[in-house]
Each structure stands twice: as structure tokens, then as C-alpha cells.
Amino acid sequence: MTSRHHRSTRAMPIPVPVPKTPVNPLNPKNLLTLPPTRPRNPLVAAALLRKAGAHQPSRGAVRAAERRSLRAELLEQTRRHRPAGDP
């Protein structure tokens, strides 16, 4: 029976090629040139930045808050009206 080897879940180092000569970032040969992007609509960018989240709690949050307040109110009522001899 052969033993089964389990691969480690650790990250393995990836070999990165090292340039033989140092790269000068100011050399135009080393720069990546991209085609010019088309002009963007400045009004759309401003509108997207103005957009915000909801200005009120979600319905689920409102229901949960009502449920908590009802439970607290019922607990207060039972404490107030409980006879002195009851635990």
C-alpha cells in the first residue's frame, strides 16, 4: 500500500524573474503606454458621488426594534404586576 501525500494549505512562494540590469522607471522604454481614454461625462460622476444610502432603517430593522420594545414592555408589565410571593 502506498502512502498518500497531502498537499500543504500554506501559500507557496512564486518565483519572480529578477532583471539582470536595474530598471530605470524614468526611461521611456520602460513605461507602459495606454491609448487615451474617451472623455467622461462630469455630470454623471458628480451624480454618482452624490448618491447615498437609505435615509431610513430597513423594514427588517424596524420590525426587530418593535419586537424588542414589545418584549421589554411585556417584561416590565409582568414585573410590575407580579405578586410579592411569586419567584
Protein backbone atom coordinates (compact mmCIF):
# COMPACT_ATOMS: atom_id res chain seq x y z
CA MET A 1 0.00 0.00 0.00
CA THR A 2 1.42 3.42 -0.93
CA SER A 3 1.28 6.36 1.39
CA ARG A 4 -0.74 9.29 0.23
CA HIS A 5 0.89 12.72 0.41
CA HIS A 6 -1.32 15.60 1.41
CA ARG A 7 -0.61 18.97 -0.12
CA SER A 8 0.02 21.72 2.36
CA THR A 9 -2.53 24.51 2.52
CA ARG A 10 0.21 27.09 3.04
CA ALA A 11 0.90 29.59 0.31
CA MET A 12 3.74 28.52 -1.91
CA PRO A 13 6.27 31.17 -2.96
CA ILE A 14 6.04 32.06 -6.62
CA PRO A 15 9.36 32.55 -8.39
CA VAL A 16 9.62 36.08 -9.76
CA PRO A 17 12.07 36.77 -12.57
CA VAL A 18 14.73 39.23 -11.48
CA PRO A 19 16.02 41.57 -14.20
CA LYS A 20 19.75 41.31 -14.84
CA THR A 21 20.09 45.07 -15.04
CA PRO A 22 18.26 47.53 -12.81
CA VAL A 23 15.12 49.00 -14.36
CA ASN A 24 15.08 52.78 -14.64
CA PRO A 25 11.44 53.93 -14.30
CA LEU A 26 12.27 57.28 -15.92
CA ASN A 27 13.43 55.64 -19.15
CA PRO A 28 10.66 55.97 -21.78
CA LYS A 29 11.37 52.41 -22.98
CA ASN A 30 10.27 51.06 -19.58
CA LEU A 31 6.97 52.96 -19.45
CA LEU A 32 3.69 51.35 -20.39
CA THR A 33 1.77 53.50 -22.85
CA LEU A 34 -2.01 53.28 -22.90
CA PRO A 35 -4.34 54.65 -25.54
CA PRO A 36 -6.11 57.84 -24.47
CA THR A 37 -9.44 57.19 -22.77
CA ARG A 38 -12.54 58.85 -24.10
CA PRO A 39 -13.74 61.90 -22.17
CA ARG A 40 -16.12 61.16 -19.31
CA ASN A 41 -19.35 62.96 -18.57
CA PRO A 42 -18.61 65.11 -15.48
CA LEU A 43 -22.29 65.34 -14.58
CA VAL A 44 -22.62 61.58 -14.22
CA ALA A 45 -19.56 61.39 -11.96
CA ALA A 46 -20.99 64.12 -9.71
CA ALA A 47 -24.39 62.41 -9.58
CA LEU A 48 -22.81 59.07 -8.62
CA LEU A 49 -20.84 60.72 -5.83
CA ARG A 50 -23.98 62.43 -4.51
CA LYS A 51 -25.88 59.17 -4.35
CA ALA A 52 -26.16 57.99 -0.78
CA GLY A 53 -27.57 55.03 1.09
CA ALA A 54 -31.03 54.67 2.52
CA HIS A 55 -32.20 57.52 4.74
CA GLN A 56 -34.34 55.33 6.94
CA PRO A 57 -33.95 51.96 8.63
CA SER A 58 -34.88 48.90 6.63
CA ARG A 59 -38.20 47.19 7.25
CA GLY A 60 -36.43 44.32 8.96
CA ALA A 61 -34.67 46.72 11.34
CA VAL A 62 -37.97 48.45 12.14
CA ARG A 63 -39.65 45.09 12.87
CA ALA A 64 -36.76 44.00 15.07
CA ALA A 65 -36.88 47.27 17.02
CA GLU A 66 -40.65 46.94 17.52
CA ARG A 67 -40.21 43.33 18.65
CA ARG A 68 -37.54 44.37 21.19
CA SER A 69 -39.64 47.23 22.53
CA LEU A 70 -42.72 44.99 22.84
CA ARG A 71 -40.72 42.34 24.67
CA ALA A 72 -39.29 44.97 27.06
CA GLU A 73 -42.75 46.40 27.66
CA LEU A 74 -44.24 42.95 28.38
CA LEU A 75 -41.37 42.15 30.73
CA GLU A 76 -41.93 45.43 32.56
CA GLN A 77 -45.67 44.72 32.84
CA THR A 78 -45.09 41.23 34.26
CA ARG A 79 -42.58 42.57 36.78
CA ARG A 80 -44.93 45.31 37.87
CA HIS A 81 -47.98 43.08 38.34
CA ARG A 82 -46.25 40.03 39.82
CA PRO A 83 -47.38 39.20 43.39
CA ALA A 84 -44.71 39.53 46.06
CA GLY A 85 -44.67 35.78 46.90
CA ASP A 86 -44.00 34.59 43.31
CA PRO A 87 -40.41 33.97 42.25
